[in-house]
All heavy atoms as atom14 arrays in JSON, in Angstrom:
{
  "sequence": "RGFGTDITVSGPIIDTAITAMLEELEPNLWEDNLARLPDFG",
  "atom14_mask": [
    [1, 1, 1, 1, 1, 1, 1, 1, 1, 1, 1, 0, 0, 0],
    [1, 1, 1, 1, 0, 0, 0, 0, 0, 0, 0, 0, 0, 0],
    [1, 1, 1, 1, 1, 1, 1, 1, 1, 1, 1, 0, 0, 0],
    [1, 1, 1, 1, 0, 0, 0, 0, 0, 0, 0, 0, 0, 0],
    [1, 1, 1, 1, 1, 1, 1, 0, 0, 0, 0, 0, 0, 0],
    [1, 1, 1, 1, 1, 1, 1, 1, 0, 0, 0, 0, 0, 0],
    [1, 1, 1, 1, 1, 1, 1, 1, 0, 0, 0, 0, 0, 0],
    [1, 1, 1, 1, 1, 1, 1, 0, 0, 0, 0, 0, 0, 0],
    [1, 1, 1, 1, 1, 1, 1, 0, 0, 0, 0, 0, 0, 0],
    [1, 1, 1, 1, 1, 1, 0, 0, 0, 0, 0, 0, 0, 0],
    [1, 1, 1, 1, 0, 0, 0, 0, 0, 0, 0, 0, 0, 0],
    [1, 1, 1, 1, 1, 1, 1, 0, 0, 0, 0, 0, 0, 0],
    [1, 1, 1, 1, 1, 1, 1, 1, 0, 0, 0, 0, 0, 0],
    [1, 1, 1, 1, 1, 1, 1, 1, 0, 0, 0, 0, 0, 0],
    [1, 1, 1, 1, 1, 1, 1, 1, 0, 0, 0, 0, 0, 0],
    [1, 1, 1, 1, 1, 1, 1, 0, 0, 0, 0, 0, 0, 0],
    [1, 1, 1, 1, 1, 0, 0, 0, 0, 0, 0, 0, 0, 0],
    [1, 1, 1, 1, 1, 1, 1, 1, 0, 0, 0, 0, 0, 0],
    [1, 1, 1, 1, 1, 1, 1, 0, 0, 0, 0, 0, 0, 0],
    [1, 1, 1, 1, 1, 0, 0, 0, 0, 0, 0, 0, 0, 0],
    [1, 1, 1, 1, 1, 1, 1, 1, 0, 0, 0, 0, 0, 0],
    [1, 1, 1, 1, 1, 1, 1, 1, 0, 0, 0, 0, 0, 0],
    [1, 1, 1, 1, 1, 1, 1, 1, 1, 0, 0, 0, 0, 0],
    [1, 1, 1, 1, 1, 1, 1, 1, 1, 0, 0, 0, 0, 0],
    [1, 1, 1, 1, 1, 1, 1, 1, 0, 0, 0, 0, 0, 0],
    [1, 1, 1, 1, 1, 1, 1, 1, 1, 0, 0, 0, 0, 0],
    [1, 1, 1, 1, 1, 1, 1, 0, 0, 0, 0, 0, 0, 0],
    [1, 1, 1, 1, 1, 1, 1, 1, 0, 0, 0, 0, 0, 0],
    [1, 1, 1, 1, 1, 1, 1, 1, 0, 0, 0, 0, 0, 0],
    [1, 1, 1, 1, 1, 1, 1, 1, 1, 1, 1, 1, 1, 1],
    [1, 1, 1, 1, 1, 1, 1, 1, 1, 0, 0, 0, 0, 0],
    [1, 1, 1, 1, 1, 1, 1, 1, 0, 0, 0, 0, 0, 0],
    [1, 1, 1, 1, 1, 1, 1, 1, 0, 0, 0, 0, 0, 0],
    [1, 1, 1, 1, 1, 1, 1, 1, 0, 0, 0, 0, 0, 0],
    [1, 1, 1, 1, 1, 0, 0, 0, 0, 0, 0, 0, 0, 0],
    [1, 1, 1, 1, 1, 1, 1, 1, 1, 1, 1, 0, 0, 0],
    [1, 1, 1, 1, 1, 1, 1, 1, 0, 0, 0, 0, 0, 0],
    [1, 1, 1, 1, 1, 1, 1, 0, 0, 0, 0, 0, 0, 0],
    [1, 1, 1, 1, 1, 1, 1, 1, 0, 0, 0, 0, 0, 0],
    [1, 1, 1, 1, 1, 1, 1, 1, 1, 1, 1, 0, 0, 0],
    [1, 1, 1, 1, 0, 0, 0, 0, 0, 0, 0, 0, 0, 0]
  ],
  "atom14_positions": [
    [[92.03, -0.62, -48.21], [91.6, -1.72, -47.45], [92.56, -2.02, -46.28], [92.67, -3.09, -45.77], [91.55, -2.99, -48.37], [90.33, -2.93, -49.27], [90.12, -4.19, -50.03], [89.7, -5.25, -49.07], [88.52, -5.48, -48.73], [87.54, -4.67, -49.09], [88.21, -6.5, -47.9], [0.0, 0.0, 0.0], [0.0, 0.0, 0.0], [0.0, 0.0, 0.0]],
    [[93.33, -1.0, -45.99], [94.24, -1.12, -44.77], [95.49, -1.95, -45.1], [96.31, -1.65, -45.94], [0.0, 0.0, 0.0], [0.0, 0.0, 0.0], [0.0, 0.0, 0.0], [0.0, 0.0, 0.0], [0.0, 0.0, 0.0], [0.0, 0.0, 0.0], [0.0, 0.0, 0.0], [0.0, 0.0, 0.0], [0.0, 0.0, 0.0], [0.0, 0.0, 0.0]],
    [[95.59, -3.04, -44.34], [96.78, -3.76, -44.37], [96.76, -5.0, -45.41], [97.69, -5.76, -45.49], [97.09, -4.28, -42.99], [96.62, -3.55, -41.89], [95.43, -3.69, -41.34], [97.4, -2.4, -41.39], [94.93, -2.9, -40.28], [96.94, -1.71, -40.35], [95.7, -1.88, -39.78], [0.0, 0.0, 0.0], [0.0, 0.0, 0.0], [0.0, 0.0, 0.0]],
    [[95.59, -5.18, -46.01], [95.32, -6.43, -46.75], [94.67, -7.38, -45.71], [95.04, -7.38, -44.51], [0.0, 0.0, 0.0], [0.0, 0.0, 0.0], [0.0, 0.0, 0.0], [0.0, 0.0, 0.0], [0.0, 0.0, 0.0], [0.0, 0.0, 0.0], [0.0, 0.0, 0.0], [0.0, 0.0, 0.0], [0.0, 0.0, 0.0], [0.0, 0.0, 0.0]],
    [[93.69, -8.2, -46.23], [92.95, -8.98, -45.23], [93.69, -9.89, -44.32], [93.54, -9.95, -43.12], [91.99, -9.81, -46.07], [91.13, -9.03, -46.85], [91.14, -10.68, -45.15], [0.0, 0.0, 0.0], [0.0, 0.0, 0.0], [0.0, 0.0, 0.0], [0.0, 0.0, 0.0], [0.0, 0.0, 0.0], [0.0, 0.0, 0.0], [0.0, 0.0, 0.0]],
    [[94.72, -10.59, -44.88], [95.53, -11.54, -44.04], [96.13, -10.88, -42.85], [96.13, -11.34, -41.76], [96.51, -12.26, -44.92], [95.83, -13.27, -45.92], [94.72, -13.55, -45.56], [96.57, -13.62, -46.79], [0.0, 0.0, 0.0], [0.0, 0.0, 0.0], [0.0, 0.0, 0.0], [0.0, 0.0, 0.0], [0.0, 0.0, 0.0], [0.0, 0.0, 0.0]],
    [[96.88, -9.73, -43.13], [97.54, -9.11, -42.03], [96.56, -8.5, -41.0], [96.77, -8.57, -39.79], [98.5, -7.95, -42.56], [99.55, -8.58, -43.53], [99.16, -7.27, -41.47], [100.39, -7.65, -44.23], [0.0, 0.0, 0.0], [0.0, 0.0, 0.0], [0.0, 0.0, 0.0], [0.0, 0.0, 0.0], [0.0, 0.0, 0.0], [0.0, 0.0, 0.0]],
    [[95.44, -7.93, -41.56], [94.55, -7.27, -40.65], [94.04, -8.26, -39.56], [93.99, -7.98, -38.49], [93.36, -6.82, -41.48], [93.72, -5.82, -42.42], [92.31, -6.14, -40.57], [0.0, 0.0, 0.0], [0.0, 0.0, 0.0], [0.0, 0.0, 0.0], [0.0, 0.0, 0.0], [0.0, 0.0, 0.0], [0.0, 0.0, 0.0], [0.0, 0.0, 0.0]],
    [[93.74, -9.52, -40.02], [93.06, -10.37, -39.13], [94.07, -11.29, -38.38], [93.84, -11.49, -37.21], [92.03, -11.2, -39.9], [91.08, -11.95, -38.96], [91.23, -10.34, -40.82], [0.0, 0.0, 0.0], [0.0, 0.0, 0.0], [0.0, 0.0, 0.0], [0.0, 0.0, 0.0], [0.0, 0.0, 0.0], [0.0, 0.0, 0.0], [0.0, 0.0, 0.0]],
    [[94.95, -11.87, -39.13], [95.71, -12.94, -38.5], [96.9, -12.39, -37.66], [97.32, -13.02, -36.78], [96.19, -13.97, -39.52], [97.18, -13.25, -40.41], [0.0, 0.0, 0.0], [0.0, 0.0, 0.0], [0.0, 0.0, 0.0], [0.0, 0.0, 0.0], [0.0, 0.0, 0.0], [0.0, 0.0, 0.0], [0.0, 0.0, 0.0], [0.0, 0.0, 0.0]],
    [[97.43, -11.35, -38.1], [98.49, -10.67, -37.42], [98.07, -10.16, -36.15], [97.21, -10.56, -35.5], [0.0, 0.0, 0.0], [0.0, 0.0, 0.0], [0.0, 0.0, 0.0], [0.0, 0.0, 0.0], [0.0, 0.0, 0.0], [0.0, 0.0, 0.0], [0.0, 0.0, 0.0], [0.0, 0.0, 0.0], [0.0, 0.0, 0.0], [0.0, 0.0, 0.0]],
    [[98.46, -9.09, -35.64], [97.99, -8.85, -34.27], [96.75, -8.04, -34.18], [96.17, -7.92, -33.07], [99.11, -8.08, -33.66], [99.96, -7.54, -34.76], [99.49, -8.09, -35.99], [0.0, 0.0, 0.0], [0.0, 0.0, 0.0], [0.0, 0.0, 0.0], [0.0, 0.0, 0.0], [0.0, 0.0, 0.0], [0.0, 0.0, 0.0], [0.0, 0.0, 0.0]],
    [[96.14, -7.49, -35.28], [95.1, -6.45, -35.17], [93.8, -7.05, -34.54], [93.36, -6.61, -33.51], [94.83, -5.84, -36.56], [96.14, -5.26, -37.17], [93.73, -4.84, -36.43], [96.79, -4.16, -36.34], [0.0, 0.0, 0.0], [0.0, 0.0, 0.0], [0.0, 0.0, 0.0], [0.0, 0.0, 0.0], [0.0, 0.0, 0.0], [0.0, 0.0, 0.0]],
    [[93.17, -8.01, -35.27], [91.89, -8.45, -34.73], [92.08, -9.24, -33.46], [91.3, -9.13, -32.49], [91.1, -9.26, -35.76], [90.47, -8.32, -36.74], [90.05, -10.17, -35.09], [89.58, -8.94, -37.69], [0.0, 0.0, 0.0], [0.0, 0.0, 0.0], [0.0, 0.0, 0.0], [0.0, 0.0, 0.0], [0.0, 0.0, 0.0], [0.0, 0.0, 0.0]],
    [[93.09, -10.09, -33.33], [93.21, -10.89, -32.09], [93.45, -9.9, -30.96], [92.93, -10.15, -29.85], [94.58, -11.66, -32.26], [94.37, -12.94, -33.22], [93.21, -13.04, -33.7], [95.31, -13.61, -33.47], [0.0, 0.0, 0.0], [0.0, 0.0, 0.0], [0.0, 0.0, 0.0], [0.0, 0.0, 0.0], [0.0, 0.0, 0.0], [0.0, 0.0, 0.0]],
    [[94.28, -8.87, -31.13], [94.48, -7.93, -30.08], [93.25, -7.22, -29.65], [92.94, -6.96, -28.48], [95.59, -6.94, -30.36], [96.75, -7.7, -30.78], [95.92, -6.0, -29.25], [0.0, 0.0, 0.0], [0.0, 0.0, 0.0], [0.0, 0.0, 0.0], [0.0, 0.0, 0.0], [0.0, 0.0, 0.0], [0.0, 0.0, 0.0], [0.0, 0.0, 0.0]],
    [[92.45, -6.81, -30.69], [91.23, -6.07, -30.37], [90.2, -7.02, -29.66], [89.58, -6.57, -28.68], [90.61, -5.67, -31.74], [0.0, 0.0, 0.0], [0.0, 0.0, 0.0], [0.0, 0.0, 0.0], [0.0, 0.0, 0.0], [0.0, 0.0, 0.0], [0.0, 0.0, 0.0], [0.0, 0.0, 0.0], [0.0, 0.0, 0.0], [0.0, 0.0, 0.0]],
    [[90.09, -8.28, -30.04], [89.19, -9.13, -29.32], [89.64, -9.35, -27.92], [88.81, -9.39, -26.98], [89.1, -10.51, -30.1], [88.3, -10.33, -31.43], [88.34, -11.6, -29.25], [88.31, -11.56, -32.3], [0.0, 0.0, 0.0], [0.0, 0.0, 0.0], [0.0, 0.0, 0.0], [0.0, 0.0, 0.0], [0.0, 0.0, 0.0], [0.0, 0.0, 0.0]],
    [[90.97, -9.52, -27.72], [91.48, -9.75, -26.38], [91.18, -8.53, -25.52], [90.72, -8.66, -24.36], [92.96, -9.99, -26.44], [93.24, -11.15, -27.14], [93.58, -10.11, -24.99], [0.0, 0.0, 0.0], [0.0, 0.0, 0.0], [0.0, 0.0, 0.0], [0.0, 0.0, 0.0], [0.0, 0.0, 0.0], [0.0, 0.0, 0.0], [0.0, 0.0, 0.0]],
    [[91.42, -7.35, -26.05], [91.24, -6.1, -25.22], [89.66, -5.97, -24.92], [89.35, -5.64, -23.77], [91.65, -4.89, -26.01], [0.0, 0.0, 0.0], [0.0, 0.0, 0.0], [0.0, 0.0, 0.0], [0.0, 0.0, 0.0], [0.0, 0.0, 0.0], [0.0, 0.0, 0.0], [0.0, 0.0, 0.0], [0.0, 0.0, 0.0], [0.0, 0.0, 0.0]],
    [[88.81, -6.27, -25.81], [87.33, -6.23, -25.6], [86.95, -7.15, -24.51], [86.21, -6.87, -23.58], [86.62, -6.48, -26.8], [86.48, -5.26, -27.76], [85.44, -3.98, -27.15], [83.84, -4.8, -27.1], [0.0, 0.0, 0.0], [0.0, 0.0, 0.0], [0.0, 0.0, 0.0], [0.0, 0.0, 0.0], [0.0, 0.0, 0.0], [0.0, 0.0, 0.0]],
    [[87.42, -8.42, -24.6], [87.04, -9.45, -23.61], [87.63, -9.11, -22.29], [86.98, -9.39, -21.2], [87.55, -10.84, -24.11], [86.82, -11.43, -25.26], [87.56, -12.7, -25.73], [85.36, -11.59, -25.01], [0.0, 0.0, 0.0], [0.0, 0.0, 0.0], [0.0, 0.0, 0.0], [0.0, 0.0, 0.0], [0.0, 0.0, 0.0], [0.0, 0.0, 0.0]],
    [[88.7, -8.46, -22.15], [89.28, -8.13, -20.87], [88.39, -7.03, -20.16], [88.23, -7.07, -18.88], [90.66, -7.51, -20.99], [91.72, -8.58, -21.33], [93.1, -7.93, -21.57], [93.19, -6.63, -21.64], [94.04, -8.66, -21.75], [0.0, 0.0, 0.0], [0.0, 0.0, 0.0], [0.0, 0.0, 0.0], [0.0, 0.0, 0.0], [0.0, 0.0, 0.0]],
    [[87.7, -6.22, -20.92], [86.73, -5.29, -20.36], [85.4, -5.89, -20.13], [84.69, -5.58, -19.13], [86.55, -4.11, -21.35], [87.76, -3.17, -21.38], [88.06, -2.59, -20.0], [87.18, -2.13, -19.33], [89.24, -2.59, -19.55], [0.0, 0.0, 0.0], [0.0, 0.0, 0.0], [0.0, 0.0, 0.0], [0.0, 0.0, 0.0], [0.0, 0.0, 0.0]],
    [[84.98, -6.87, -20.97], [83.65, -7.37, -20.88], [83.51, -8.43, -19.8], [82.56, -8.49, -19.07], [83.16, -8.01, -22.18], [83.06, -7.0, -23.35], [82.67, -7.7, -24.7], [82.0, -5.9, -23.04], [0.0, 0.0, 0.0], [0.0, 0.0, 0.0], [0.0, 0.0, 0.0], [0.0, 0.0, 0.0], [0.0, 0.0, 0.0], [0.0, 0.0, 0.0]],
    [[84.47, -9.33, -19.7], [84.33, -10.52, -18.85], [84.01, -10.17, -17.41], [83.15, -10.81, -16.82], [85.61, -11.46, -18.93], [85.4, -12.72, -18.16], [86.57, -13.59, -18.36], [87.66, -13.1, -18.87], [86.52, -14.79, -18.05], [0.0, 0.0, 0.0], [0.0, 0.0, 0.0], [0.0, 0.0, 0.0], [0.0, 0.0, 0.0], [0.0, 0.0, 0.0]],
    [[84.69, -9.17, -16.74], [84.41, -8.85, -15.33], [83.09, -8.18, -15.14], [82.61, -8.02, -14.04], [85.55, -7.97, -14.92], [86.56, -8.05, -16.01], [85.83, -8.35, -17.32], [0.0, 0.0, 0.0], [0.0, 0.0, 0.0], [0.0, 0.0, 0.0], [0.0, 0.0, 0.0], [0.0, 0.0, 0.0], [0.0, 0.0, 0.0], [0.0, 0.0, 0.0]],
    [[82.42, -7.81, -16.19], [81.25, -6.96, -16.14], [80.19, -7.36, -17.2], [79.55, -6.48, -17.81], [81.62, -5.45, -16.28], [80.57, -4.52, -15.92], [79.67, -4.83, -15.01], [80.53, -3.33, -16.45], [0.0, 0.0, 0.0], [0.0, 0.0, 0.0], [0.0, 0.0, 0.0], [0.0, 0.0, 0.0], [0.0, 0.0, 0.0], [0.0, 0.0, 0.0]],
    [[80.0, -8.67, -17.39], [79.14, -9.19, -18.46], [77.75, -8.59, -18.39], [77.13, -8.35, -19.41], [79.12, -10.66, -18.51], [80.21, -11.43, -19.16], [80.01, -12.86, -19.08], [80.35, -10.97, -20.64], [0.0, 0.0, 0.0], [0.0, 0.0, 0.0], [0.0, 0.0, 0.0], [0.0, 0.0, 0.0], [0.0, 0.0, 0.0], [0.0, 0.0, 0.0]],
    [[77.17, -8.52, -17.19], [75.78, -8.0, -17.01], [75.74, -6.48, -16.75], [74.71, -6.03, -16.37], [75.22, -8.79, -15.87], [74.88, -10.21, -16.24], [73.81, -10.71, -16.89], [75.82, -11.31, -16.01], [74.07, -12.09, -17.03], [75.18, -12.45, -16.5], [77.06, -11.42, -15.3], [75.81, -13.7, -16.44], [77.7, -12.64, -15.34], [77.05, -13.8, -15.79]],
    [[76.86, -5.86, -16.93], [76.9, -4.4, -16.79], [76.38, -3.82, -15.52], [75.7, -2.89, -15.42], [76.16, -3.67, -17.95], [76.78, -4.07, -19.32], [76.06, -3.38, -20.53], [75.14, -2.58, -20.29], [76.52, -3.7, -21.67], [0.0, 0.0, 0.0], [0.0, 0.0, 0.0], [0.0, 0.0, 0.0], [0.0, 0.0, 0.0], [0.0, 0.0, 0.0]],
    [[76.8, -4.59, -14.41], [76.43, -4.09, -13.07], [77.1, -2.67, -12.81], [76.59, -1.8, -12.14], [76.93, -5.04, -12.0], [76.22, -6.44, -12.15], [74.95, -6.37, -12.28], [76.89, -7.47, -12.13], [0.0, 0.0, 0.0], [0.0, 0.0, 0.0], [0.0, 0.0, 0.0], [0.0, 0.0, 0.0], [0.0, 0.0, 0.0], [0.0, 0.0, 0.0]],
    [[78.26, -2.6, -13.38], [79.01, -1.29, -13.3], [78.78, -0.56, -14.62], [79.2, -1.04, -15.69], [80.46, -1.51, -13.17], [81.28, -0.21, -13.03], [80.71, 0.89, -13.15], [82.56, -0.36, -12.95], [0.0, 0.0, 0.0], [0.0, 0.0, 0.0], [0.0, 0.0, 0.0], [0.0, 0.0, 0.0], [0.0, 0.0, 0.0], [0.0, 0.0, 0.0]],
    [[78.05, 0.58, -14.61], [77.7, 1.3, -15.8], [78.7, 2.29, -16.28], [78.43, 3.08, -17.22], [76.34, 1.95, -15.59], [75.13, 1.0, -15.46], [73.87, 1.77, -15.18], [74.97, 0.14, -16.62], [0.0, 0.0, 0.0], [0.0, 0.0, 0.0], [0.0, 0.0, 0.0], [0.0, 0.0, 0.0], [0.0, 0.0, 0.0], [0.0, 0.0, 0.0]],
    [[79.87, 2.33, -15.63], [80.99, 3.13, -16.1], [81.91, 2.15, -16.84], [82.75, 1.42, -16.3], [81.79, 3.8, -14.97], [0.0, 0.0, 0.0], [0.0, 0.0, 0.0], [0.0, 0.0, 0.0], [0.0, 0.0, 0.0], [0.0, 0.0, 0.0], [0.0, 0.0, 0.0], [0.0, 0.0, 0.0], [0.0, 0.0, 0.0], [0.0, 0.0, 0.0]],
    [[81.71, 2.11, -18.2], [82.33, 1.07, -19.03], [83.22, 1.74, -20.14], [82.69, 2.62, -20.93], [81.21, 0.23, -19.72], [80.28, -0.39, -18.84], [79.06, -1.05, -19.45], [79.53, -2.08, -20.32], [79.51, -2.09, -21.74], [79.05, -0.98, -22.38], [79.88, -3.13, -22.36], [0.0, 0.0, 0.0], [0.0, 0.0, 0.0], [0.0, 0.0, 0.0]],
    [[84.41, 1.35, -20.25], [85.29, 1.79, -21.25], [84.76, 1.42, -22.77], [84.91, 2.31, -23.64], [86.71, 1.31, -21.1], [87.51, 1.9, -19.99], [88.92, 1.18, -19.93], [87.64, 3.39, -20.13], [0.0, 0.0, 0.0], [0.0, 0.0, 0.0], [0.0, 0.0, 0.0], [0.0, 0.0, 0.0], [0.0, 0.0, 0.0], [0.0, 0.0, 0.0]],
    [[84.12, 0.29, -22.89], [83.58, -0.06, -24.25], [82.46, 0.96, -24.63], [81.99, 0.83, -25.84], [83.04, -1.47, -24.09], [83.98, -2.08, -23.01], [84.13, -0.93, -22.02], [0.0, 0.0, 0.0], [0.0, 0.0, 0.0], [0.0, 0.0, 0.0], [0.0, 0.0, 0.0], [0.0, 0.0, 0.0], [0.0, 0.0, 0.0], [0.0, 0.0, 0.0]],
    [[81.97, 1.8, -23.77], [80.9, 2.75, -24.1], [81.52, 3.94, -24.83], [80.79, 4.85, -25.31], [80.16, 3.26, -22.93], [79.07, 2.26, -22.47], [78.68, 1.47, -23.33], [78.58, 2.31, -21.36], [0.0, 0.0, 0.0], [0.0, 0.0, 0.0], [0.0, 0.0, 0.0], [0.0, 0.0, 0.0], [0.0, 0.0, 0.0], [0.0, 0.0, 0.0]],
    [[82.86, 3.99, -24.99], [83.52, 5.06, -25.73], [82.95, 5.08, -27.16], [82.96, 4.01, -27.75], [85.01, 4.89, -25.69], [85.83, 6.03, -26.35], [85.71, 7.31, -25.87], [86.75, 5.72, -27.35], [86.45, 8.33, -26.41], [87.45, 6.75, -27.96], [87.28, 8.09, -27.51], [0.0, 0.0, 0.0], [0.0, 0.0, 0.0], [0.0, 0.0, 0.0]],
    [[82.55, 6.19, -27.59], [81.92, 6.23, -28.98], [80.52, 5.86, -29.02], [79.9, 5.77, -30.11], [0.0, 0.0, 0.0], [0.0, 0.0, 0.0], [0.0, 0.0, 0.0], [0.0, 0.0, 0.0], [0.0, 0.0, 0.0], [0.0, 0.0, 0.0], [0.0, 0.0, 0.0], [0.0, 0.0, 0.0], [0.0, 0.0, 0.0], [0.0, 0.0, 0.0]]
  ]
}
């Protein structure tokens, strides 16, 4: 289960992931630019 639920979410993991995702999504919410890093995978 990885780090244990508390560390996974409250420590830097989920917060950092959400922040990184939003940094990519916010300038391109409607996907006017179709070269998107979140398309990895």
